[in-house]
Structures are given as structure tokens and as C-alpha cells.
Protein backbone atom coordinates (compact mmCIF):
# COMPACT_ATOMS: atom_id res chain seq x y z
CA MET A 1 194.50 -144.10 -48.18
CA LYS A 2 195.65 -147.69 -48.47
CA ALA A 3 198.53 -149.79 -47.23
CA LEU A 4 200.07 -152.63 -49.22
CA LEU A 5 201.43 -155.56 -47.23
CA SER A 6 203.61 -158.36 -48.55
CA ALA A 7 205.79 -160.58 -46.39
CA TYR A 8 207.57 -163.89 -46.49
CA ARG A 9 206.87 -164.35 -42.78
CA HIS A 10 203.26 -163.30 -42.47
CA GLU A 11 203.46 -162.75 -38.72
CA ASP A 12 205.88 -159.88 -39.42
CA VAL A 13 203.12 -157.73 -40.98
CA MET A 14 200.44 -158.41 -38.36
CA PRO A 15 201.40 -155.44 -36.12
CA TRP A 16 201.33 -153.13 -39.15
CA ALA A 17 197.99 -154.53 -40.32
CA ARG A 18 196.37 -154.03 -36.92
CA LEU A 19 197.76 -150.49 -36.64
CA PHE A 20 196.53 -149.52 -40.10
CA VAL A 21 193.06 -150.98 -39.58
CA ALA A 22 192.78 -149.19 -36.23
CA HIS A 23 193.36 -145.92 -38.10
CA GLY A 24 190.92 -146.61 -40.92
CA ILE A 25 193.51 -147.43 -43.56
CA GLU A 26 192.38 -150.04 -46.10
CA LEU A 27 194.66 -153.01 -46.58
CA ILE A 28 195.80 -154.59 -49.81
CA ALA A 29 197.97 -157.69 -49.65
CA THR A 30 199.59 -160.29 -51.81
CA GLN A 31 197.91 -163.68 -51.91
CA GLY A 32 199.68 -165.50 -49.05
CA THR A 33 199.75 -162.43 -46.84
CA MET A 34 196.08 -161.81 -47.57
CA ARG A 35 195.17 -165.34 -46.48
CA ALA A 36 197.10 -164.92 -43.22
CA LEU A 37 195.39 -161.59 -42.51
CA GLU A 38 191.95 -163.00 -43.28
CA ALA A 39 192.65 -165.97 -40.99
CA SER A 40 193.37 -163.46 -38.23
CA GLY A 41 190.07 -161.68 -38.92
CA ILE A 42 191.71 -158.63 -40.47
CA PRO A 43 189.83 -157.12 -43.45
CA VAL A 44 191.96 -157.04 -46.58
CA GLU A 45 191.65 -157.00 -50.35
CA SER A 46 193.87 -158.78 -52.82
CA SER A 47 196.65 -157.02 -54.71
CA ALA A 48 195.03 -158.61 -57.76
CA SER A 49 192.20 -156.09 -57.33
CA LEU A 50 194.68 -153.41 -58.46
CA THR A 51 196.45 -155.39 -61.13
CA GLY A 52 193.66 -157.52 -62.53
CA PHE A 53 196.05 -160.48 -62.43
CA ALA A 54 196.57 -163.32 -59.98
CA SER A 55 200.13 -163.98 -58.84
CA ARG A 56 202.35 -165.70 -61.36
CA LEU A 57 205.22 -168.20 -61.19
CA SER A 58 204.10 -169.78 -57.90
CA GLY A 59 203.74 -166.37 -56.29
CA GLY A 60 207.05 -165.08 -57.61
CA ILE A 61 205.51 -162.22 -59.55
CA LYS A 62 202.65 -160.36 -57.96
CA THR A 63 203.69 -156.81 -57.14
CA ILE A 64 205.74 -156.05 -60.24
CA HIS A 65 202.92 -154.25 -61.96
CA PRO A 66 202.47 -150.62 -63.12
CA SER A 67 199.10 -150.27 -61.34
CA ILE A 68 200.70 -150.92 -57.97
CA HIS A 69 203.61 -148.57 -58.54
CA GLU A 70 201.31 -145.87 -59.94
CA ALA A 71 199.14 -146.12 -56.80
CA MET A 72 202.29 -145.72 -54.72
CA ALA A 73 203.53 -142.75 -56.76
CA THR A 74 200.21 -140.93 -56.45
CA GLY A 75 199.81 -141.64 -52.73
CA GLU A 76 196.74 -143.85 -53.15
CA ILE A 77 198.92 -146.43 -51.44
CA GLY A 78 200.46 -144.43 -48.62
CA TYR A 79 202.28 -147.23 -46.82
CA VAL A 80 204.11 -150.30 -48.09
CA ALA A 81 205.07 -152.90 -45.48
CA VAL A 82 207.40 -155.57 -46.86
CA GLY A 83 209.08 -158.56 -45.29
CA LEU A 84 211.73 -159.80 -47.69
CA MET A 85 212.23 -163.46 -48.48
CA PRO A 86 215.50 -164.49 -46.80
CA ILE A 87 218.43 -165.06 -49.12
CA ASP A 88 221.31 -165.16 -46.64
CA ASP A 89 219.83 -168.11 -44.77
CA PRO A 90 222.03 -171.09 -45.63
CA THR A 91 218.94 -173.32 -45.79
CA SER A 92 217.23 -171.18 -48.46
CA PRO A 93 217.46 -172.49 -52.01
CA GLY A 94 219.58 -169.52 -53.07
CA LEU A 95 218.94 -167.32 -56.05
CA GLU A 96 215.72 -169.14 -56.91
CA SER A 97 214.26 -167.66 -53.72
CA MET A 98 215.58 -164.16 -54.36
CA ASP A 99 212.92 -161.55 -53.62
CA LEU A 100 212.29 -159.34 -56.64
CA GLY A 101 208.91 -157.77 -55.92
CA GLY A 102 209.61 -156.89 -52.29
CA VAL A 103 212.87 -155.14 -53.14
CA LEU A 104 211.17 -153.29 -55.99
CA LEU A 105 208.31 -152.21 -53.69
CA LEU A 106 210.75 -150.81 -51.16
CA ARG A 107 212.80 -149.00 -53.82
CA SER A 108 209.66 -147.54 -55.38
CA ALA A 109 208.39 -146.35 -51.98
CA VAL A 110 211.81 -144.87 -51.15
CA LYS A 111 211.69 -142.91 -54.40
CA ARG A 112 208.22 -141.56 -53.51
CA HIS A 113 208.66 -141.47 -49.72
CA GLU A 114 206.94 -138.07 -49.53
CA VAL A 115 203.64 -139.82 -50.36
CA CYS A 116 204.34 -143.52 -49.72
CA CYS A 117 206.14 -144.59 -46.55
CA PRO A 118 208.37 -147.68 -47.01
CA LEU A 119 208.29 -150.07 -44.06
CA CYS A 120 210.50 -153.12 -43.56
CA CYS A 121 209.12 -155.99 -41.53
CA PRO A 122 209.84 -156.44 -38.77
CA SER A 123 210.63 -152.77 -38.21
CA PRO A 124 211.76 -150.71 -35.25
CA HIS A 125 209.82 -147.75 -36.66
CA ILE A 126 206.29 -148.90 -35.82
CA ALA A 127 206.05 -146.42 -32.91
CA ASP A 128 207.09 -143.57 -35.22
CA VAL A 129 204.43 -144.49 -37.78
CA GLN A 130 201.84 -144.81 -35.00
CA HIS A 131 202.67 -141.22 -34.01
CA VAL A 132 202.10 -140.13 -37.61
CA LEU A 133 198.75 -141.91 -37.76
CA GLU A 134 197.70 -140.28 -34.50
CA GLY A 135 198.75 -136.84 -35.80
CA MET A 136 201.56 -136.43 -33.28
CA ALA A 137 204.50 -136.45 -35.69
CA ASP A 138 205.47 -135.06 -39.07
CA HIS A 139 204.78 -137.63 -41.84
CA ARG A 140 207.60 -136.40 -44.07
CA THR A 141 210.23 -136.70 -41.34
CA VAL A 142 209.12 -140.18 -40.30
CA SER A 143 208.78 -141.30 -43.91
CA ARG A 144 212.32 -140.10 -44.63
CA VAL A 145 213.64 -142.06 -41.62
CA CYS A 146 211.76 -145.13 -42.85
CA ALA A 147 213.15 -144.60 -46.37
CA VAL A 148 216.71 -144.58 -45.01
CA HIS A 149 216.01 -147.75 -43.02
CA ALA A 150 214.42 -149.40 -46.09
CA MET A 151 217.44 -148.61 -48.25
CA HIS A 152 219.77 -150.08 -45.60
CA GLU A 153 217.67 -153.26 -45.73
CA VAL A 154 217.69 -153.32 -49.54
CA ILE A 155 221.46 -152.79 -49.65
CA ALA A 156 222.02 -155.58 -47.10
CA TYR A 157 219.73 -157.83 -49.15
CA GLU A 158 221.60 -157.03 -52.36
CA LYS A 159 224.94 -157.74 -50.64
CA ALA A 160 223.62 -161.10 -49.44
CA THR A 161 222.40 -161.85 -52.96
CA LEU A 162 225.81 -160.98 -54.38
CA ALA A 163 227.51 -163.20 -51.80
CA ARG A 164 225.25 -166.13 -52.80
CA LEU A 165 226.02 -165.51 -56.47
CA LEU A 166 229.77 -165.34 -55.87
CA ALA A 167 229.63 -168.52 -53.78
CA MET A 168 228.26 -170.33 -56.86
CA GLN A 169 231.51 -169.79 -58.79
């Protein structure tokens, strides 16, 4: 099983990365996240190894690829840890910084949460997932809880995006 990690703030995925590696789960990460993990001595492979493509548009398109979503749907990627690019921060450039791939990853994992657990970074559910990895909790129950949390994060993100768009009028 593999875990896919992609975060705007790379430090947000470090606890997940260490937990996964400790339990023998292979890591795949987007380019910037991969560099941060490698710099911390954490073994990781590039998301480009699944897609065959490097990131595009200055990193704006890297996880919007059928190979990634197929691996999530089949359970080859069993965990997706995403830290969304902030949009409600008044210092962010607005819609140009809107996270497309991260939101899509979370939605895709929510849809397939029986086989791919969606994780928002930072997340209060790390202890629950650790219990799953140690065989002390039911994966489906924890994954469903994480899916609900992920959808709350996606909805909040979409509301913030809408607010930024409306503020442009």
C-alpha cells in the first residue's frame, strides 16, 4: 500500500510521513513535498512516477491525472494526506492560488473512502489512523470519520473561494 502526500506547508505532512514509513507504507509525493521529505531523510518517490509527467504550470497541475485517481480507487494508494493552499488568507494572491489538485484529491478519496482514507493536514485524526495502522481500530470506521472531516475542509475551502470571488465584484 502507498500513501500520497501533497501540502502547501510541507511541515504539515511530516507527522503523516513518519507514521506511514514506520508502518511500512511507501510514500509518493508531489514535487515540493517530495523535496521536503527527502531533506528530512524520509524515503519518497515522485508522483510523476505514477503519471509519467512532471508538474505543470509552476506546480499548479500535478495530481489531476487519471493514474493517480485510479490508484486511489483501487486501493493501491490507501491514504491521501493533503494540505490545501490557503485561499482565505488576505495576503494570498486570490483565485490564482486556488488549490485545484488538493481539493480534487480529497473529493476522490472521500468517494472511495472504503479503500483510500482522506487526510487533511494538519489533522486531529492522526491518532485514529495510527490505531488503524497498528491494527487496533476498524479502518472503515476511521476512514469514514476522516472522509467527513475532509468534506468539511473542502466545503470551508469552497466557501472561502466563493467569498474571494464575490469580493472581486
